[in-house]
Protein backbone atom coordinates (compact mmCIF):
# COMPACT_ATOMS: atom_id res chain seq x y z
CA MET A 1 0.00 0.00 0.00
CA THR A 2 1.50 3.30 -1.11
CA THR A 3 0.73 6.50 0.76
CA ARG A 4 2.12 8.92 -1.79
CA SER A 5 0.93 12.41 -1.05
CA SER A 6 -0.79 14.17 -3.93
CA THR A 7 1.15 16.96 -5.56
CA VAL A 8 0.24 20.11 -7.40
CA ALA A 9 1.07 18.33 -10.70
CA ASP A 10 -1.73 15.82 -9.96
CA VAL A 11 -4.45 18.47 -9.93
CA MET A 12 -3.18 21.57 -11.71
CA THR A 13 -4.91 22.99 -14.74
CA LYS A 14 -2.44 22.82 -17.60
CA LYS A 15 -4.27 25.31 -19.82
CA VAL A 16 -3.04 28.64 -18.49
CA ILE A 17 -5.13 31.72 -19.21
CA ALA A 18 -2.82 34.68 -18.70
CA VAL A 19 -2.24 38.30 -19.66
CA ARG A 20 0.82 40.31 -20.64
CA PRO A 21 2.12 43.30 -18.65
CA ASP A 22 0.67 45.76 -21.20
CA THR A 23 -2.84 44.22 -21.19
CA PRO A 24 -5.44 46.96 -20.50
CA PHE A 25 -7.87 46.85 -17.56
CA LYS A 26 -10.94 46.13 -19.73
CA GLU A 27 -9.26 43.16 -21.42
CA ILE A 28 -8.25 41.73 -18.05
CA VAL A 29 -11.85 41.94 -16.81
CA ALA A 30 -13.14 40.39 -20.05
CA ALA A 31 -10.69 37.47 -19.75
CA MET A 32 -11.70 36.84 -16.13
CA GLU A 33 -15.37 36.83 -17.08
CA ARG A 34 -14.89 34.64 -20.16
CA TRP A 35 -12.79 32.01 -18.41
CA LYS A 36 -14.59 32.25 -15.03
CA VAL A 37 -11.40 32.86 -13.02
CA THR A 38 -10.66 35.24 -10.17
CA ALA A 39 -7.01 35.91 -10.98
CA LEU A 40 -4.66 35.76 -13.96
CA PRO A 41 -0.90 35.29 -14.09
CA VAL A 42 0.94 38.13 -15.80
CA LEU A 43 3.55 36.66 -18.14
CA GLU A 44 6.41 38.19 -20.07
CA GLY A 45 8.88 36.82 -22.57
CA GLU A 46 8.54 33.08 -23.06
CA GLY A 47 5.91 32.72 -20.35
CA ARG A 48 7.83 33.76 -17.25
CA VAL A 49 5.45 34.82 -14.49
CA VAL A 50 6.09 38.36 -13.21
CA GLY A 51 2.94 38.84 -11.15
CA VAL A 52 -0.72 38.02 -10.72
CA VAL A 53 -3.65 40.36 -11.26
CA SER A 54 -6.68 39.44 -9.17
CA GLU A 55 -10.21 40.68 -8.74
CA ALA A 56 -9.03 42.37 -5.54
CA ASP A 57 -6.37 44.28 -7.51
CA LEU A 58 -9.00 45.38 -10.02
CA LEU A 59 -11.41 46.46 -7.29
CA LEU A 60 -8.82 48.91 -5.98
CA LYS A 61 -9.04 50.74 -9.30
CA GLU A 62 -12.82 50.95 -9.06
CA GLU A 63 -12.80 51.85 -5.36
CA PHE A 64 -11.06 55.15 -6.02
CA ARG A 65 -12.71 56.03 -9.35
CA ASP A 66 -14.91 58.88 -8.08
CA HIS A 67 -13.37 59.26 -4.66
CA ARG A 68 -11.07 62.09 -3.68
CA LEU A 69 -8.85 61.39 -0.70
CA GLY A 70 -7.31 63.93 1.61
CA MET A 71 -3.51 64.29 1.58
CA LEU A 72 -3.05 62.29 4.80
CA GLU A 73 -5.20 59.42 3.54
CA GLN A 74 -3.34 59.43 0.20
CA LEU A 75 -0.04 59.00 2.02
CA ARG A 76 -1.45 56.18 4.15
CA ARG A 77 -2.86 54.34 1.17
CA HIS A 78 -0.14 55.05 -1.38
CA ASP A 79 0.04 51.54 -2.92
CA ALA A 80 -3.73 51.28 -3.27
CA THR A 81 -4.10 54.72 -4.84
CA ALA A 82 -1.21 54.02 -7.23
CA LYS A 83 -2.97 50.88 -8.45
CA ALA A 84 -6.23 52.81 -8.74
CA GLY A 85 -4.73 55.25 -11.21
CA SER A 86 -3.28 52.58 -13.45
CA GLY A 87 -4.84 50.83 -16.37
CA ARG A 88 -2.44 48.05 -17.40
CA ALA A 89 -1.66 44.67 -15.86
CA ALA A 90 1.91 45.71 -14.97
CA GLU A 91 0.61 48.46 -12.68
CA LEU A 92 -2.39 46.56 -11.32
CA MET A 93 -0.74 43.22 -10.53
CA THR A 94 0.65 41.96 -7.28
CA ALA A 95 4.34 41.20 -7.70
CA PRO A 96 6.32 39.13 -7.27
CA ALA A 97 3.87 36.30 -7.87
CA VAL A 98 3.39 33.63 -5.23
CA THR A 99 4.15 30.39 -7.10
CA VAL A 100 4.56 26.68 -6.40
CA GLY A 101 6.47 23.95 -8.17
CA PRO A 102 4.72 20.95 -9.72
CA GLY A 103 6.21 18.66 -7.05
CA THR A 104 4.81 20.71 -4.15
CA SER A 105 2.49 18.69 -1.92
CA LEU A 106 -1.17 19.70 -1.92
CA PRO A 107 -1.22 20.36 1.84
CA ARG A 108 1.75 22.71 1.45
CA ALA A 109 0.11 24.49 -1.51
CA ALA A 110 -3.13 24.83 0.49
CA ARG A 111 -1.23 26.33 3.44
CA LEU A 112 0.48 28.78 1.10
CA MET A 113 -2.87 29.84 -0.38
CA ALA A 114 -4.29 30.34 3.11
CA THR A 115 -1.34 32.28 4.54
CA ARG A 116 -0.92 34.48 1.46
CA ARG A 117 -4.70 34.87 1.05
CA VAL A 118 -4.77 33.84 -2.59
CA LYS A 119 -7.07 31.43 -4.42
CA ARG A 120 -4.85 30.56 -7.40
CA LEU A 121 -1.15 29.82 -7.70
CA PRO A 122 0.84 29.73 -10.93
CA VAL A 123 2.87 26.53 -11.18
CA ALA A 124 6.50 26.92 -12.26
CA GLU A 125 9.65 25.06 -11.31
CA ARG A 126 11.29 28.40 -10.51
CA LEU A 127 10.30 32.03 -11.02
CA ALA A 128 12.68 32.30 -13.96
CA ARG A 129 10.92 29.41 -15.75
CA ALA A 130 7.75 29.38 -17.85
CA VAL A 131 4.42 28.70 -16.17
CA GLU A 132 3.39 25.05 -16.48
CA GLY A 133 -0.10 25.34 -15.05
CA VAL A 134 -2.29 26.80 -12.34
CA VAL A 135 -3.57 25.25 -9.14
CA ASP A 136 -6.53 26.75 -7.35
CA VAL A 137 -8.60 26.13 -4.25
CA ARG A 138 -11.19 24.18 -6.24
CA CYS A 139 -8.54 21.76 -7.60
CA ALA A 140 -7.26 21.06 -4.10
CA LEU A 141 -10.73 20.65 -2.60
CA THR A 142 -11.91 18.36 -5.38
CA LEU A 143 -9.04 15.97 -4.75
CA ALA A 144 -9.49 16.17 -0.97
CA ALA A 145 -13.21 15.36 -1.29
CA GLY A 146 -12.44 12.32 -3.43
CA ALA A 147 -9.77 11.01 -1.05
């Protein structure tokens, strides 16, 4: 009887829907809606992940659309207001991306998602390598429910 722990490679989605750093806000939203995902890896070059743009990142832009902050509040919320004024993935994304390798155990990937408060993780052997897939909460829960 083998008790091999399941890994990210066992459950990851190999079809990666991603955007480039220069992808505009509206195209990011359209891709999320079309593919029913809550976050997209931002890739450059030959598929190297440089960040992740999530619904939370996009909401920051909308939060400040018609809102004028006082000087003190602007200083306190500098990162959020900087994202709010941007319109491309490179300015909206969270970077560096939180990633896992394909050999990462599912419990470890789940802990990483919980501690970093993310729902999707790009899968790459190392940050300098191309993305091989994506693992999300649903993938991990589906396997856990079937175990």
